[in-house]
Amino acid sequence: MLEVDLTTVETAEKTIPRETSRRFLGGLGLNTWLLYTHTGPETNPLGPENIVLMSPGLLTGTEAPTSPRVE
């Protein structure tokens, strides 16, 4: 996972635990987990403390319908 701070333009490479990757398959599941762990109910949706997530779906690159989606 690449973490980019858009305020300071700093980047950091992070590792997602293997168990988490297996538990939350693909873009939607993984993004939901990341959003849950990095924000809270008090987070302003348009505030600087909120996060932007982009992840490929589980079937990206296959011929499955809607597989080229990005969550």
C-alpha atoms as a PDB file:
ATOM      1  CA  MET A   1       0.000   0.000   0.000  1.00  0.00           C
ATOM      2  CA  LEU A   2       1.283   3.460  -0.828  1.00  0.00           C
ATOM      3  CA  GLU A   3       0.284   6.210   1.573  1.00  0.00           C
ATOM      4  CA  VAL A   4       0.498   9.770   0.225  1.00  0.00           C
ATOM      5  CA  ASP A   5       0.092  12.841   2.433  1.00  0.00           C
ATOM      6  CA  LEU A   6      -1.364  15.423   0.082  1.00  0.00           C
ATOM      7  CA  THR A   7      -0.581  18.274   2.485  1.00  0.00           C
ATOM      8  CA  THR A   8       3.157  17.617   2.777  1.00  0.00           C
ATOM      9  CA  VAL A   9       3.508  15.564  -0.445  1.00  0.00           C
ATOM     10  CA  GLU A  10       5.297  12.809   1.483  1.00  0.00           C
ATOM     11  CA  THR A  11       4.895   9.140   0.622  1.00  0.00           C
ATOM     12  CA  ALA A  12       5.269   5.990   2.694  1.00  0.00           C
ATOM     13  CA  GLU A  13       5.055   2.351   1.731  1.00  0.00           C
ATOM     14  CA  LYS A  14       2.912   0.374   4.193  1.00  0.00           C
ATOM     15  CA  THR A  15       2.232  -3.341   4.484  1.00  0.00           C
ATOM     16  CA  ILE A  16      -1.296  -4.670   4.861  1.00  0.00           C
ATOM     17  CA  PRO A  17      -1.325  -7.735   7.135  1.00  0.00           C
ATOM     18  CA  ARG A  18      -1.820 -10.992   5.214  1.00  0.00           C
ATOM     19  CA  GLU A  19      -4.813 -11.963   7.380  1.00  0.00           C
ATOM     20  CA  THR A  20      -6.508  -8.654   6.546  1.00  0.00           C
ATOM     21  CA  SER A  21      -5.914  -9.173   2.816  1.00  0.00           C
ATOM     22  CA  ARG A  22      -7.488 -12.612   3.020  1.00  0.00           C
ATOM     23  CA  ARG A  23     -10.392 -11.439   5.148  1.00  0.00           C
ATOM     24  CA  PHE A  24     -11.377  -8.418   3.048  1.00  0.00           C
ATOM     25  CA  LEU A  25     -10.951  -9.502  -0.560  1.00  0.00           C
ATOM     26  CA  GLY A  26     -10.566  -6.878  -3.256  1.00  0.00           C
ATOM     27  CA  GLY A  27     -11.050  -3.151  -3.486  1.00  0.00           C
ATOM     28  CA  LEU A  28     -14.411  -2.631  -1.810  1.00  0.00           C
ATOM     29  CA  GLY A  29     -13.717  -4.845   1.206  1.00  0.00           C
ATOM     30  CA  LEU A  30     -10.198  -3.557   1.725  1.00  0.00           C
ATOM     31  CA  ASN A  31     -11.245   0.084   1.313  1.00  0.00           C
ATOM     32  CA  THR A  32     -14.044  -0.402   3.833  1.00  0.00           C
ATOM     33  CA  TRP A  33     -11.548  -1.822   6.353  1.00  0.00           C
ATOM     34  CA  LEU A  34      -9.068   1.008   5.725  1.00  0.00           C
ATOM     35  CA  LEU A  35     -11.777   3.656   6.067  1.00  0.00           C
ATOM     36  CA  TYR A  36     -12.996   2.057   9.318  1.00  0.00           C
ATOM     37  CA  THR A  37      -9.504   1.870  10.836  1.00  0.00           C
ATOM     38  CA  HIS A  38      -8.250   5.311   9.734  1.00  0.00           C
ATOM     39  CA  THR A  39     -11.306   7.499  10.347  1.00  0.00           C
ATOM     40  CA  GLY A  40     -14.124   7.805  12.860  1.00  0.00           C
ATOM     41  CA  PRO A  41     -17.692   9.103  13.054  1.00  0.00           C
ATOM     42  CA  GLU A  42     -16.402  12.588  13.901  1.00  0.00           C
ATOM     43  CA  THR A  43     -14.335  12.811  10.679  1.00  0.00           C
ATOM     44  CA  ASN A  44     -15.419  15.698   8.459  1.00  0.00           C
ATOM     45  CA  PRO A  45     -16.164  14.231   4.985  1.00  0.00           C
ATOM     46  CA  LEU A  46     -14.608  17.261   3.293  1.00  0.00           C
ATOM     47  CA  GLY A  47     -11.945  17.935   5.939  1.00  0.00           C
ATOM     48  CA  PRO A  48      -8.199  17.421   5.656  1.00  0.00           C
ATOM     49  CA  GLU A  49      -8.292  14.512   8.138  1.00  0.00           C
ATOM     50  CA  ASN A  50     -10.410  12.419   5.766  1.00  0.00           C
ATOM     51  CA  ILE A  51      -8.758   9.949   3.382  1.00  0.00           C
ATOM     52  CA  VAL A  52      -9.061   9.081  -0.317  1.00  0.00           C
ATOM     53  CA  LEU A  53      -8.824   5.392  -1.228  1.00  0.00           C
ATOM     54  CA  MET A  54      -8.274   3.754  -4.621  1.00  0.00           C
ATOM     55  CA  SER A  55      -7.983  -0.024  -4.981  1.00  0.00           C
ATOM     56  CA  PRO A  56      -8.397  -2.490  -7.840  1.00  0.00           C
ATOM     57  CA  GLY A  57     -11.244  -4.963  -7.516  1.00  0.00           C
ATOM     58  CA  LEU A  58     -10.730  -8.664  -6.866  1.00  0.00           C
ATOM     59  CA  LEU A  59     -11.501  -9.644 -10.480  1.00  0.00           C
ATOM     60  CA  THR A  60      -9.619  -6.815 -12.188  1.00  0.00           C
ATOM     61  CA  GLY A  61      -7.884  -8.106 -15.294  1.00  0.00           C
ATOM     62  CA  THR A  62     -10.326 -10.951 -15.884  1.00  0.00           C
ATOM     63  CA  GLU A  63     -13.177 -11.164 -18.366  1.00  0.00           C
ATOM     64  CA  ALA A  64     -15.795 -11.076 -15.608  1.00  0.00           C
ATOM     65  CA  PRO A  65     -18.513  -8.430 -16.105  1.00  0.00           C
ATOM     66  CA  THR A  66     -17.695  -5.066 -14.430  1.00  0.00           C
ATOM     67  CA  SER A  67     -14.228  -6.410 -13.488  1.00  0.00           C
ATOM     68  CA  PRO A  68     -12.237  -3.343 -14.628  1.00  0.00           C
ATOM     69  CA  ARG A  69     -13.864  -1.294 -11.868  1.00  0.00           C
ATOM     70  CA  VAL A  70     -11.786   0.574  -9.334  1.00  0.00           C
ATOM     71  CA  GLU A  71     -13.185   1.104  -5.847  1.00  0.00           C
END
